[in-house]
Amino acid sequence: MRYLLPLLLLAACGYTPPEASSLIGFGPYPGPGDVCQKIAENDLSNPYLDDTQQLIGCPTHERGAIADRLRDGGELLDRIGDWQLIAMPLR
């Protein structure tokens, strides 16, 4: 419930929330106000999870945010619905 407001804000900005692509978002990444979301485990994301990295998703049309994550050491994994999955090194 505490992440409902950020999801509503994403929807208001023209984004579909991760849940619309059957992913589970649980907070912005890398910090408050960012469009990318940390992605939780479910049947769809499980193959991409790894104990050595953080799985995140960014709206596919947010090319700048995706480029920023790649500059930060992220690795493109897959596109699921309207979200690009990226593996980020653990901080």
Protein backbone atom coordinates (compact mmCIF):
# COMPACT_ATOMS: atom_id res chain seq x y z
CA MET A 1 0.00 0.00 0.00
CA ARG A 2 2.87 2.39 0.72
CA TYR A 3 3.99 2.19 -2.91
CA LEU A 4 0.55 3.05 -4.25
CA LEU A 5 1.31 6.78 -4.52
CA PRO A 6 4.48 6.31 -6.61
CA LEU A 7 2.58 3.94 -8.90
CA LEU A 8 -0.21 6.46 -9.28
CA LEU A 9 2.35 9.14 -10.08
CA LEU A 10 3.91 6.89 -12.72
CA ALA A 11 0.50 6.33 -14.28
CA ALA A 12 -0.20 10.07 -14.22
CA CYS A 13 3.03 10.67 -16.16
CA GLY A 14 1.94 8.29 -18.92
CA TYR A 15 3.87 5.28 -17.63
CA THR A 16 2.31 1.95 -17.02
CA PRO A 17 3.35 0.53 -13.66
CA PRO A 18 5.48 -2.63 -13.59
CA GLU A 19 2.41 -4.57 -12.46
CA ALA A 20 0.76 -3.87 -15.84
CA SER A 21 3.58 -5.97 -17.34
CA SER A 22 3.19 -8.69 -14.65
CA LEU A 23 6.26 -7.48 -12.75
CA ILE A 24 6.31 -6.42 -9.11
CA GLY A 25 7.92 -3.05 -8.42
CA PHE A 26 8.88 -2.21 -4.85
CA GLY A 27 10.41 1.22 -4.90
CA PRO A 28 12.27 3.67 -7.09
CA TYR A 29 15.85 3.06 -8.16
CA PRO A 30 18.40 4.47 -7.54
CA GLY A 31 16.57 6.93 -5.32
CA PRO A 32 13.30 8.70 -4.56
CA GLY A 33 11.70 10.26 -7.61
CA ASP A 34 13.48 8.06 -10.15
CA VAL A 35 11.40 6.33 -12.83
CA CYS A 36 13.17 2.97 -12.63
CA GLN A 37 11.87 0.49 -10.08
CA LYS A 38 13.42 -2.33 -8.07
CA ILE A 39 11.79 -5.55 -9.25
CA ALA A 40 10.71 -8.25 -6.81
CA GLU A 41 10.68 -11.97 -7.36
CA ASN A 42 7.75 -13.65 -9.08
CA ASP A 43 7.44 -16.37 -11.72
CA LEU A 44 8.24 -13.91 -14.51
CA SER A 45 11.29 -12.24 -12.92
CA ASN A 46 12.73 -15.33 -11.21
CA PRO A 47 14.94 -16.39 -14.17
CA TYR A 48 16.67 -13.00 -14.06
CA LEU A 49 17.41 -12.88 -10.33
CA ASP A 50 20.93 -13.32 -9.06
CA ASP A 51 22.34 -12.92 -5.54
CA THR A 52 25.17 -10.77 -6.90
CA GLN A 53 23.00 -8.05 -8.45
CA GLN A 54 19.81 -6.01 -8.06
CA LEU A 55 17.10 -6.53 -10.66
CA ILE A 56 15.50 -3.29 -11.75
CA GLY A 57 13.10 -2.25 -14.47
CA CYS A 58 12.83 1.02 -16.36
CA PRO A 59 9.99 2.10 -18.66
CA THR A 60 11.20 1.29 -22.18
CA HIS A 61 10.54 4.80 -23.44
CA GLU A 62 12.80 6.29 -20.73
CA ARG A 63 15.96 6.01 -22.81
CA GLY A 64 17.85 8.53 -20.69
CA ALA A 65 17.18 6.61 -17.47
CA ILE A 66 18.16 3.35 -19.15
CA ALA A 67 21.38 4.92 -20.46
CA ASP A 68 22.14 6.22 -16.95
CA ARG A 69 21.72 2.75 -15.46
CA LEU A 70 24.02 1.25 -18.11
CA ARG A 71 26.65 3.92 -17.36
CA ASP A 72 26.32 2.92 -13.70
CA GLY A 73 27.35 -0.64 -14.60
CA GLY A 74 23.95 -2.15 -15.44
CA GLU A 75 23.45 -4.94 -17.95
CA LEU A 76 20.42 -5.10 -20.25
CA LEU A 77 18.57 -8.37 -19.75
CA ASP A 78 15.18 -8.39 -21.45
CA ARG A 79 12.11 -6.36 -22.28
CA ILE A 80 8.92 -7.43 -20.57
CA GLY A 81 5.84 -5.51 -21.61
CA ASP A 82 6.58 -1.79 -21.25
CA TRP A 83 9.60 -2.38 -18.99
CA GLN A 84 13.27 -2.99 -19.70
CA LEU A 85 14.90 -5.31 -17.15
CA ILE A 86 18.42 -4.38 -16.09
CA ALA A 87 20.81 -6.17 -13.74
CA MET A 88 22.59 -3.66 -11.47
CA PRO A 89 25.67 -4.46 -9.39
CA LEU A 90 24.91 -4.48 -5.67
CA ARG A 91 25.98 -1.33 -3.89
